[in-house]
Amino acid sequence: MFSSALYVIAPAKLQSALITLRALLRKLMREGRSFEGHVREIASTQYLTPSDLAAWREARLGMLLRHAVLHVPFYRDLGLV
């Protein structure tokens, strides 16, 4: 399960609580709103033609690059905007 030193030396009740917390975090990641959005996006692009898929990928790449220029200091300092 856990390989951290804290888990290994923790009493059984704390180990149980850590396992429960880990399971809860994984459930939230698996079933949260963000995950649902990704599933919808995958479903909407599943049957795109190759040219439409390429256009979608280029649009997503553009969004990623704009985000980087606006929010990541390294790219913002390059003065690309």
C-alpha atoms as a PDB file:
ATOM      1  CA  MET A   1       0.000   0.000   0.000  1.00  0.00           C
ATOM      2  CA  PHE A   2       1.860   3.004   1.346  1.00  0.00           C
ATOM      3  CA  SER A   3       5.622   2.915   1.366  1.00  0.00           C
ATOM      4  CA  SER A   4       6.133   6.100   3.375  1.00  0.00           C
ATOM      5  CA  ALA A   5       7.924   5.882   6.683  1.00  0.00           C
ATOM      6  CA  LEU A   6       4.969   7.552   8.415  1.00  0.00           C
ATOM      7  CA  TYR A   7       2.588   4.824   7.298  1.00  0.00           C
ATOM      8  CA  VAL A   8       4.959   2.014   8.212  1.00  0.00           C
ATOM      9  CA  ILE A   9       5.471   3.219  11.793  1.00  0.00           C
ATOM     10  CA  ALA A  10       1.902   4.450  12.328  1.00  0.00           C
ATOM     11  CA  PRO A  11      -0.487   2.563  14.600  1.00  0.00           C
ATOM     12  CA  ALA A  12      -3.126   0.421  12.913  1.00  0.00           C
ATOM     13  CA  LYS A  13      -5.931   2.967  13.461  1.00  0.00           C
ATOM     14  CA  LEU A  14      -3.900   5.733  11.792  1.00  0.00           C
ATOM     15  CA  GLN A  15      -2.992   3.380   8.942  1.00  0.00           C
ATOM     16  CA  SER A  16      -6.694   2.680   8.471  1.00  0.00           C
ATOM     17  CA  ALA A  17      -7.465   6.403   8.424  1.00  0.00           C
ATOM     18  CA  LEU A  18      -4.703   7.015   5.861  1.00  0.00           C
ATOM     19  CA  ILE A  19      -6.069   4.264   3.620  1.00  0.00           C
ATOM     20  CA  THR A  20      -9.574   5.736   3.904  1.00  0.00           C
ATOM     21  CA  LEU A  21      -8.293   9.224   3.060  1.00  0.00           C
ATOM     22  CA  ARG A  22      -6.361   7.880   0.089  1.00  0.00           C
ATOM     23  CA  ALA A  23      -9.456   6.083  -1.200  1.00  0.00           C
ATOM     24  CA  LEU A  24     -11.546   9.246  -0.790  1.00  0.00           C
ATOM     25  CA  LEU A  25      -9.022  11.344  -2.721  1.00  0.00           C
ATOM     26  CA  ARG A  26      -8.911   8.800  -5.528  1.00  0.00           C
ATOM     27  CA  LYS A  27     -12.720   8.695  -5.649  1.00  0.00           C
ATOM     28  CA  LEU A  28     -12.880  12.489  -5.888  1.00  0.00           C
ATOM     29  CA  MET A  29     -10.344  12.502  -8.712  1.00  0.00           C
ATOM     30  CA  ARG A  30     -12.201   9.721 -10.501  1.00  0.00           C
ATOM     31  CA  GLU A  31     -15.723  11.071 -10.052  1.00  0.00           C
ATOM     32  CA  GLY A  32     -15.264  14.830  -9.674  1.00  0.00           C
ATOM     33  CA  ARG A  33     -16.563  17.561 -11.978  1.00  0.00           C
ATOM     34  CA  SER A  34     -13.230  17.851 -13.752  1.00  0.00           C
ATOM     35  CA  PHE A  35     -13.283  14.164 -14.633  1.00  0.00           C
ATOM     36  CA  GLU A  36     -16.820  14.407 -16.009  1.00  0.00           C
ATOM     37  CA  GLY A  37     -15.724  17.247 -18.279  1.00  0.00           C
ATOM     38  CA  HIS A  38     -12.856  15.178 -19.622  1.00  0.00           C
ATOM     39  CA  VAL A  39     -15.171  12.244 -20.310  1.00  0.00           C
ATOM     40  CA  ARG A  40     -17.581  14.511 -22.205  1.00  0.00           C
ATOM     41  CA  GLU A  41     -14.717  15.956 -24.223  1.00  0.00           C
ATOM     42  CA  ILE A  42     -13.405  12.510 -25.134  1.00  0.00           C
ATOM     43  CA  ALA A  43     -16.890  11.374 -26.125  1.00  0.00           C
ATOM     44  CA  SER A  44     -17.387  14.433 -28.313  1.00  0.00           C
ATOM     45  CA  THR A  45     -14.117  13.879 -30.191  1.00  0.00           C
ATOM     46  CA  GLN A  46     -14.245  10.107 -30.445  1.00  0.00           C
ATOM     47  CA  TYR A  47     -15.586   9.910 -33.986  1.00  0.00           C
ATOM     48  CA  LEU A  48     -14.004  13.000 -35.543  1.00  0.00           C
ATOM     49  CA  THR A  49     -12.461  12.653 -38.964  1.00  0.00           C
ATOM     50  CA  PRO A  50      -8.671  12.876 -39.061  1.00  0.00           C
ATOM     51  CA  SER A  51      -8.785  16.439 -40.404  1.00  0.00           C
ATOM     52  CA  ASP A  52     -11.342  17.525 -37.801  1.00  0.00           C
ATOM     53  CA  LEU A  53      -9.285  15.873 -35.066  1.00  0.00           C
ATOM     54  CA  ALA A  54      -6.160  17.720 -36.264  1.00  0.00           C
ATOM     55  CA  ALA A  55      -8.087  21.012 -36.156  1.00  0.00           C
ATOM     56  CA  TRP A  56      -9.331  20.197 -32.646  1.00  0.00           C
ATOM     57  CA  ARG A  57      -5.789  19.377 -31.492  1.00  0.00           C
ATOM     58  CA  GLU A  58      -4.467  22.644 -32.940  1.00  0.00           C
ATOM     59  CA  ALA A  59      -7.205  24.607 -31.175  1.00  0.00           C
ATOM     60  CA  ARG A  60      -6.432  22.872 -27.863  1.00  0.00           C
ATOM     61  CA  LEU A  61      -2.711  23.525 -28.324  1.00  0.00           C
ATOM     62  CA  GLY A  62      -3.478  27.198 -28.967  1.00  0.00           C
ATOM     63  CA  MET A  63      -5.506  27.331 -25.744  1.00  0.00           C
ATOM     64  CA  LEU A  64      -2.640  25.724 -23.823  1.00  0.00           C
ATOM     65  CA  LEU A  65      -0.072  28.133 -25.238  1.00  0.00           C
ATOM     66  CA  ARG A  66      -2.268  31.174 -24.514  1.00  0.00           C
ATOM     67  CA  HIS A  67      -2.723  29.937 -20.952  1.00  0.00           C
ATOM     68  CA  ALA A  68       1.042  29.518 -20.565  1.00  0.00           C
ATOM     69  CA  VAL A  69       1.761  33.016 -21.888  1.00  0.00           C
ATOM     70  CA  LEU A  70      -0.837  34.554 -19.580  1.00  0.00           C
ATOM     71  CA  HIS A  71      -0.140  32.564 -16.404  1.00  0.00           C
ATOM     72  CA  VAL A  72       3.396  31.147 -16.413  1.00  0.00           C
ATOM     73  CA  PRO A  73       6.007  33.755 -15.478  1.00  0.00           C
ATOM     74  CA  PHE A  74       8.704  32.305 -17.776  1.00  0.00           C
ATOM     75  CA  TYR A  75       6.525  32.566 -20.882  1.00  0.00           C
ATOM     76  CA  ARG A  76       4.904  35.822 -19.766  1.00  0.00           C
ATOM     77  CA  ASP A  77       8.386  37.387 -19.430  1.00  0.00           C
ATOM     78  CA  LEU A  78       9.215  36.452 -23.017  1.00  0.00           C
ATOM     79  CA  GLY A  79       6.770  39.179 -24.074  1.00  0.00           C
ATOM     80  CA  LEU A  80       4.879  37.038 -26.559  1.00  0.00           C
ATOM     81  CA  VAL A  81       1.565  38.777 -25.901  1.00  0.00           C
END
